[in-house]
């Protein structure tokens, strides 16, 4: 996939997130401070990813996308869970996170497992509701 297509897709997703956030936080939908939309909760499942999927150009693109995200829309993201992460992804993250703001890094959870309990607590749901997301 050309980098230009990825950039356009990412910016389109940011625009949609801003639109949802604005919609959720305006009357009559926002009836109290507790009903405020605090940001997106992303779950990225890396199950099945191998070293053959990892290329330096992909890591560079990820690095640029994350930099854009922290400059343009740092408060859209409430939490990102990267589950079933292989060891090499954690090693790459150890390098990438050094160029990101600490508040962004604090919003990312990377685990080799499913983080099911933590994700369900954060979402306020149950296994039946979000099961496919966690597999």
N, C-alpha and C. Protein backbone atom coordinates (compact mmCIF):
# COMPACT_ATOMS: atom_id res chain seq x y z
N UNK A 1 0.86 -1.17 0.00
CA UNK A 1 0.00 0.00 0.00
C UNK A 1 0.90 1.23 0.00
N UNK A 2 0.68 2.14 -0.92
CA UNK A 2 1.50 3.35 -0.95
C UNK A 2 1.33 4.19 0.32
N UNK A 3 2.40 4.82 0.74
CA UNK A 3 2.37 5.63 1.96
C UNK A 3 1.33 6.74 1.87
N UNK A 4 1.15 7.32 0.71
CA UNK A 4 0.18 8.38 0.53
C UNK A 4 -1.24 7.90 0.86
N UNK A 5 -1.56 6.67 0.48
CA UNK A 5 -2.88 6.11 0.78
C UNK A 5 -3.05 5.93 2.29
N UNK A 6 -2.01 5.49 2.94
CA UNK A 6 -2.08 5.29 4.39
C UNK A 6 -2.28 6.63 5.09
N UNK A 7 -1.56 7.66 4.64
CA UNK A 7 -1.72 8.99 5.24
C UNK A 7 -3.15 9.50 5.06
N UNK A 8 -3.69 9.36 3.86
CA UNK A 8 -5.07 9.81 3.62
C UNK A 8 -6.06 9.06 4.49
N UNK A 9 -5.89 7.74 4.60
CA UNK A 9 -6.77 6.94 5.44
C UNK A 9 -6.69 7.39 6.90
N UNK A 10 -5.47 7.59 7.38
CA UNK A 10 -5.27 8.00 8.76
C UNK A 10 -5.92 9.35 9.03
N UNK A 11 -5.73 10.31 8.14
CA UNK A 11 -6.35 11.62 8.33
C UNK A 11 -7.86 11.55 8.26
N UNK A 12 -8.40 10.67 7.41
CA UNK A 12 -9.84 10.47 7.35
C UNK A 12 -10.36 9.92 8.69
N UNK A 13 -9.62 8.97 9.26
CA UNK A 13 -10.03 8.40 10.55
C UNK A 13 -9.97 9.44 11.66
N UNK A 14 -8.96 10.30 11.64
CA UNK A 14 -8.89 11.39 12.63
C UNK A 14 -10.08 12.32 12.49
N UNK A 15 -10.44 12.64 11.26
CA UNK A 15 -11.58 13.51 11.02
C UNK A 15 -12.86 12.88 11.56
N UNK A 16 -13.05 11.60 11.32
CA UNK A 16 -14.24 10.90 11.84
C UNK A 16 -14.24 10.90 13.36
N UNK A 17 -13.07 10.69 13.97
CA UNK A 17 -12.99 10.69 15.44
C UNK A 17 -13.34 12.06 16.00
N UNK A 18 -12.84 13.14 15.37
CA UNK A 18 -13.19 14.49 15.81
C UNK A 18 -14.70 14.72 15.69
N UNK A 19 -15.28 14.28 14.59
CA UNK A 19 -16.71 14.44 14.37
C UNK A 19 -17.51 13.71 15.44
N UNK A 20 -17.13 12.47 15.75
CA UNK A 20 -17.84 11.71 16.79
C UNK A 20 -17.69 12.37 18.15
N UNK A 21 -16.49 12.85 18.44
CA UNK A 21 -16.25 13.49 19.73
C UNK A 21 -17.10 14.75 19.87
N UNK A 22 -17.13 15.56 18.83
CA UNK A 22 -17.95 16.78 18.87
C UNK A 22 -19.44 16.45 19.00
N UNK A 23 -19.90 15.45 18.26
CA UNK A 23 -21.30 15.04 18.34
C UNK A 23 -21.66 14.56 19.74
N UNK A 24 -20.80 13.73 20.32
CA UNK A 24 -21.09 13.15 21.63
C UNK A 24 -21.05 14.19 22.75
N UNK A 25 -20.29 15.24 22.56
CA UNK A 25 -20.10 16.21 23.63
C UNK A 25 -20.94 17.47 23.50
N UNK A 26 -21.96 17.44 22.65
CA UNK A 26 -22.84 18.59 22.51
C UNK A 26 -24.24 18.23 23.00
N UNK A 27 -24.97 19.21 23.55
CA UNK A 27 -26.34 18.94 24.01
C UNK A 27 -27.18 18.51 22.81
N UNK A 28 -28.18 17.70 22.96
CA UNK A 28 -28.67 17.10 24.19
C UNK A 28 -27.96 15.79 24.56
N UNK A 29 -27.04 15.32 23.72
CA UNK A 29 -26.39 14.04 24.01
C UNK A 29 -25.56 14.10 25.28
N UNK A 30 -24.89 15.21 25.51
CA UNK A 30 -24.07 15.36 26.71
C UNK A 30 -24.96 15.89 27.82
N UNK A 31 -25.48 14.99 28.63
CA UNK A 31 -26.38 15.40 29.70
C UNK A 31 -25.63 15.71 30.99
N UNK A 32 -24.40 15.21 31.11
CA UNK A 32 -23.60 15.47 32.31
C UNK A 32 -22.13 15.27 31.97
N UNK A 33 -21.27 15.66 32.90
CA UNK A 33 -19.83 15.47 32.69
C UNK A 33 -19.50 13.98 32.58
N UNK A 34 -20.29 13.13 33.22
CA UNK A 34 -20.06 11.68 33.16
C UNK A 34 -20.37 11.09 31.79
N UNK A 35 -21.19 11.77 30.99
CA UNK A 35 -21.53 11.25 29.68
C UNK A 35 -20.60 11.77 28.59
N UNK A 36 -19.62 12.55 28.97
CA UNK A 36 -18.68 13.11 28.01
C UNK A 36 -17.85 12.00 27.36
N UNK A 37 -17.64 12.12 26.05
CA UNK A 37 -16.78 11.17 25.35
C UNK A 37 -15.34 11.56 25.61
N UNK A 38 -14.57 10.68 26.22
CA UNK A 38 -13.21 11.00 26.64
C UNK A 38 -12.15 10.60 25.63
N UNK A 39 -12.52 9.99 24.55
CA UNK A 39 -11.56 9.59 23.54
C UNK A 39 -11.75 8.16 23.10
N UNK A 40 -10.99 7.79 22.09
CA UNK A 40 -11.14 6.45 21.53
C UNK A 40 -10.38 5.43 22.36
N UNK A 41 -10.89 4.23 22.35
CA UNK A 41 -10.23 3.08 22.94
C UNK A 41 -9.97 2.13 21.80
N UNK A 42 -8.71 1.96 21.46
CA UNK A 42 -8.34 1.13 20.32
C UNK A 42 -7.75 -0.18 20.80
N UNK A 43 -8.12 -1.26 20.14
CA UNK A 43 -7.53 -2.56 20.41
C UNK A 43 -6.94 -3.05 19.10
N UNK A 44 -5.64 -3.23 19.09
CA UNK A 44 -4.94 -3.70 17.90
C UNK A 44 -4.42 -5.10 18.21
N UNK A 45 -4.95 -6.06 17.49
CA UNK A 45 -4.60 -7.47 17.72
C UNK A 45 -3.52 -7.89 16.73
N UNK A 46 -2.34 -8.21 17.25
CA UNK A 46 -1.22 -8.59 16.39
C UNK A 46 -1.04 -10.11 16.30
N UNK A 47 -2.06 -10.85 16.67
CA UNK A 47 -1.97 -12.31 16.59
C UNK A 47 -1.67 -12.72 15.15
N UNK A 48 -0.65 -13.54 14.99
CA UNK A 48 -0.28 -14.03 13.67
C UNK A 48 0.79 -13.21 12.97
N UNK A 49 1.18 -12.09 13.55
CA UNK A 49 2.24 -11.26 12.96
C UNK A 49 3.58 -11.96 13.18
N UNK A 50 4.39 -11.98 12.14
CA UNK A 50 5.71 -12.60 12.26
C UNK A 50 6.78 -11.61 11.77
N UNK A 51 8.03 -11.98 11.93
CA UNK A 51 9.13 -11.13 11.50
C UNK A 51 9.02 -10.81 10.01
N UNK A 52 8.45 -11.71 9.24
CA UNK A 52 8.34 -11.47 7.79
C UNK A 52 7.40 -10.31 7.47
N UNK A 53 6.54 -9.94 8.42
CA UNK A 53 5.63 -8.81 8.22
C UNK A 53 6.27 -7.48 8.61
N UNK A 54 7.40 -7.54 9.27
CA UNK A 54 8.02 -6.34 9.81
C UNK A 54 9.13 -5.87 8.89
N UNK A 55 8.97 -4.66 8.40
CA UNK A 55 9.96 -4.08 7.51
C UNK A 55 10.34 -2.71 8.06
N UNK A 56 11.56 -2.28 7.83
CA UNK A 56 12.02 -0.98 8.32
C UNK A 56 11.17 0.15 7.76
N UNK A 57 10.72 0.03 6.52
CA UNK A 57 9.88 1.09 5.95
C UNK A 57 8.55 1.18 6.70
N UNK A 58 8.01 0.04 7.13
CA UNK A 58 6.78 0.03 7.91
C UNK A 58 6.97 0.67 9.27
N UNK A 59 8.10 0.41 9.90
CA UNK A 59 8.39 1.02 11.20
C UNK A 59 8.56 2.53 11.07
N UNK A 60 9.20 2.95 10.00
CA UNK A 60 9.37 4.39 9.77
C UNK A 60 8.01 5.06 9.56
N UNK A 61 7.13 4.39 8.80
CA UNK A 61 5.80 4.93 8.58
C UNK A 61 5.03 5.00 9.89
N UNK A 62 5.10 3.94 10.69
CA UNK A 62 4.43 3.93 12.00
C UNK A 62 4.94 5.09 12.85
N UNK A 63 6.22 5.29 12.84
CA UNK A 63 6.82 6.39 13.60
C UNK A 63 6.26 7.73 13.14
N UNK A 64 6.17 7.96 11.84
CA UNK A 64 5.64 9.22 11.31
C UNK A 64 4.15 9.40 11.65
N UNK A 65 3.39 8.31 11.53
CA UNK A 65 1.96 8.38 11.85
C UNK A 65 1.76 8.73 13.32
N UNK A 66 2.54 8.11 14.20
CA UNK A 66 2.41 8.40 15.63
C UNK A 66 2.81 9.84 15.95
N UNK A 67 3.80 10.35 15.26
CA UNK A 67 4.19 11.76 15.46
C UNK A 67 3.06 12.69 15.04
N UNK A 68 2.42 12.38 13.90
CA UNK A 68 1.29 13.18 13.44
C UNK A 68 0.17 13.13 14.48
N UNK A 69 -0.11 11.94 14.97
CA UNK A 69 -1.19 11.77 15.94
C UNK A 69 -0.96 12.60 17.19
N UNK A 70 0.27 12.60 17.70
CA UNK A 70 0.49 13.34 18.93
C UNK A 70 0.48 14.85 18.72
N UNK A 71 0.75 15.30 17.50
CA UNK A 71 0.70 16.74 17.21
C UNK A 71 -0.71 17.21 16.90
N UNK A 72 -1.43 16.42 16.13
CA UNK A 72 -2.74 16.83 15.64
C UNK A 72 -3.86 16.49 16.62
N UNK A 73 -3.80 15.33 17.21
CA UNK A 73 -4.95 14.86 17.97
C UNK A 73 -4.57 14.04 19.20
N UNK A 74 -3.77 14.59 20.10
CA UNK A 74 -3.35 13.78 21.24
C UNK A 74 -4.48 13.38 22.18
N UNK A 75 -5.53 14.18 22.22
CA UNK A 75 -6.60 13.88 23.17
C UNK A 75 -7.73 13.04 22.58
N UNK A 76 -7.62 12.67 21.32
CA UNK A 76 -8.63 11.77 20.75
C UNK A 76 -8.46 10.38 21.34
N UNK A 77 -7.22 10.00 21.61
CA UNK A 77 -6.95 8.66 22.11
C UNK A 77 -7.04 8.63 23.64
N UNK A 78 -7.91 7.80 24.15
CA UNK A 78 -7.98 7.58 25.58
C UNK A 78 -7.01 6.46 25.96
N UNK A 79 -7.05 5.36 25.21
CA UNK A 79 -6.18 4.22 25.49
C UNK A 79 -6.06 3.38 24.24
N UNK A 80 -4.87 2.84 24.01
CA UNK A 80 -4.66 1.89 22.92
C UNK A 80 -4.05 0.63 23.50
N UNK A 81 -4.70 -0.49 23.24
CA UNK A 81 -4.20 -1.79 23.67
C UNK A 81 -3.67 -2.52 22.45
N UNK A 82 -2.42 -2.93 22.50
CA UNK A 82 -1.84 -3.74 21.45
C UNK A 82 -1.66 -5.12 22.05
N UNK A 83 -2.52 -6.05 21.61
CA UNK A 83 -2.54 -7.37 22.23
C UNK A 83 -1.89 -8.42 21.33
N UNK A 84 -1.49 -9.52 21.95
CA UNK A 84 -0.81 -10.62 21.26
C UNK A 84 0.41 -10.12 20.50
N UNK A 85 1.13 -9.18 21.11
CA UNK A 85 2.31 -8.60 20.46
C UNK A 85 3.49 -9.56 20.56
N UNK A 86 4.12 -9.87 19.44
CA UNK A 86 5.30 -10.72 19.48
C UNK A 86 6.49 -9.96 20.08
N UNK A 87 7.50 -10.68 20.50
CA UNK A 87 8.65 -10.08 21.18
C UNK A 87 9.30 -8.99 20.34
N UNK A 88 9.36 -9.17 19.03
CA UNK A 88 10.05 -8.18 18.20
C UNK A 88 9.27 -6.86 18.10
N UNK A 89 7.94 -6.94 18.27
CA UNK A 89 7.16 -5.69 18.28
C UNK A 89 7.48 -4.89 19.54
N UNK A 90 7.58 -5.58 20.65
CA UNK A 90 7.94 -4.90 21.90
C UNK A 90 9.32 -4.27 21.79
N UNK A 91 10.24 -4.94 21.11
CA UNK A 91 11.57 -4.39 20.90
C UNK A 91 11.51 -3.13 20.03
N UNK A 92 10.69 -3.16 18.97
CA UNK A 92 10.53 -2.00 18.11
C UNK A 92 9.88 -0.85 18.88
N UNK A 93 8.89 -1.16 19.71
CA UNK A 93 8.21 -0.15 20.51
C UNK A 93 9.18 0.54 21.46
N UNK A 94 10.12 -0.21 22.00
CA UNK A 94 11.12 0.37 22.91
C UNK A 94 11.90 1.48 22.22
N UNK A 95 12.07 1.39 20.91
CA UNK A 95 12.77 2.42 20.15
C UNK A 95 11.81 3.55 19.77
N UNK A 96 10.65 3.20 19.23
CA UNK A 96 9.68 4.19 18.74
C UNK A 96 9.18 5.10 19.85
N UNK A 97 8.93 4.55 21.03
CA UNK A 97 8.33 5.36 22.09
C UNK A 97 9.24 6.50 22.56
N UNK A 98 10.52 6.41 22.26
CA UNK A 98 11.45 7.46 22.68
C UNK A 98 11.24 8.78 21.95
N UNK A 99 10.56 8.75 20.81
CA UNK A 99 10.31 10.00 20.07
C UNK A 99 8.90 10.54 20.32
N UNK A 100 8.14 9.86 21.15
CA UNK A 100 6.77 10.28 21.45
C UNK A 100 6.70 10.98 22.80
N UNK A 101 5.69 11.81 22.95
CA UNK A 101 5.46 12.49 24.22
C UNK A 101 5.11 11.47 25.31
N UNK A 102 5.58 11.68 26.52
CA UNK A 102 5.30 10.74 27.62
C UNK A 102 3.82 10.49 27.86
N UNK A 103 2.96 11.51 27.67
CA UNK A 103 1.53 11.30 27.90
C UNK A 103 0.92 10.39 26.85
N UNK A 104 1.47 10.38 25.64
CA UNK A 104 1.01 9.45 24.61
C UNK A 104 1.47 8.04 24.93
N UNK A 105 2.73 7.90 25.29
CA UNK A 105 3.29 6.58 25.63
C UNK A 105 2.50 5.96 26.79
N UNK A 106 2.10 6.78 27.75
CA UNK A 106 1.35 6.28 28.91
C UNK A 106 -0.03 5.74 28.53
N UNK A 107 -0.53 6.12 27.37
CA UNK A 107 -1.85 5.66 26.93
C UNK A 107 -1.79 4.36 26.14
N UNK A 108 -0.61 3.82 25.94
CA UNK A 108 -0.45 2.60 25.14
C UNK A 108 -0.08 1.44 26.06
N UNK A 109 -0.82 0.34 25.92
CA UNK A 109 -0.55 -0.89 26.66
C UNK A 109 -0.19 -1.96 25.64
N UNK A 110 0.98 -2.56 25.80
CA UNK A 110 1.42 -3.62 24.89
C UNK A 110 1.59 -4.89 25.71
N UNK A 111 0.97 -5.96 25.21
CA UNK A 111 1.05 -7.23 25.94
C UNK A 111 1.13 -8.39 24.96
N UNK A 112 1.81 -9.45 25.38
CA UNK A 112 1.88 -10.65 24.55
C UNK A 112 0.61 -11.49 24.71
N UNK A 113 -0.20 -11.15 25.70
CA UNK A 113 -1.46 -11.84 25.93
C UNK A 113 -2.63 -11.04 25.40
N UNK A 114 -3.81 -11.27 25.99
CA UNK A 114 -5.02 -10.60 25.50
C UNK A 114 -5.40 -9.35 26.28
N UNK A 115 -4.88 -9.18 27.51
CA UNK A 115 -5.25 -8.06 28.38
C UNK A 115 -6.76 -7.97 28.57
N UNK A 116 -7.40 -9.12 28.49
CA UNK A 116 -8.87 -9.17 28.52
C UNK A 116 -9.47 -8.47 29.73
N UNK A 117 -8.97 -8.78 30.91
CA UNK A 117 -9.55 -8.21 32.13
C UNK A 117 -9.43 -6.69 32.13
N UNK A 118 -8.25 -6.17 31.80
CA UNK A 118 -8.04 -4.73 31.80
C UNK A 118 -8.90 -4.03 30.73
N UNK A 119 -8.99 -4.64 29.56
CA UNK A 119 -9.79 -4.04 28.48
C UNK A 119 -11.26 -4.02 28.86
N UNK A 120 -11.77 -5.12 29.38
CA UNK A 120 -13.19 -5.17 29.76
C UNK A 120 -13.50 -4.19 30.88
N UNK A 121 -12.58 -4.03 31.83
CA UNK A 121 -12.78 -3.04 32.89
C UNK A 121 -12.83 -1.63 32.30
N UNK A 122 -11.95 -1.35 31.36
CA UNK A 122 -11.89 -0.02 30.75
C UNK A 122 -13.15 0.25 29.91
N UNK A 123 -13.61 -0.74 29.18
CA UNK A 123 -14.79 -0.57 28.33
C UNK A 123 -16.09 -0.62 29.11
N UNK A 124 -16.06 -1.25 30.27
CA UNK A 124 -17.27 -1.38 31.05
C UNK A 124 -18.24 -2.40 30.47
N UNK A 125 -17.71 -3.41 29.80
CA UNK A 125 -18.57 -4.43 29.20
C UNK A 125 -18.23 -5.81 29.72
N UNK A 126 -18.73 -6.81 29.01
CA UNK A 126 -18.43 -8.18 29.41
C UNK A 126 -17.88 -8.96 28.21
N UNK A 127 -17.41 -10.17 28.51
CA UNK A 127 -16.76 -11.02 27.51
C UNK A 127 -17.69 -11.31 26.33
N UNK A 128 -18.96 -11.51 26.61
CA UNK A 128 -19.93 -11.81 25.56
C UNK A 128 -20.06 -10.65 24.57
N UNK A 129 -20.00 -9.43 25.08
CA UNK A 129 -20.16 -8.24 24.25
C UNK A 129 -18.94 -7.98 23.37
N UNK A 130 -17.74 -8.22 23.89
CA UNK A 130 -16.51 -7.86 23.18
C UNK A 130 -15.62 -9.05 22.86
N UNK A 131 -16.13 -10.25 22.95
CA UNK A 131 -15.34 -11.46 22.77
C UNK A 131 -14.53 -11.53 21.50
N UNK A 132 -15.13 -11.23 20.36
CA UNK A 132 -14.42 -11.30 19.09
C UNK A 132 -13.25 -10.33 19.02
N UNK A 133 -13.38 -9.22 19.67
CA UNK A 133 -12.32 -8.22 19.70
C UNK A 133 -11.08 -8.72 20.43
N UNK A 134 -11.28 -9.58 21.41
CA UNK A 134 -10.19 -10.01 22.28
C UNK A 134 -9.52 -11.30 21.84
N UNK A 135 -10.09 -12.00 20.88
CA UNK A 135 -9.53 -13.29 20.46
C UNK A 135 -8.27 -13.13 19.65
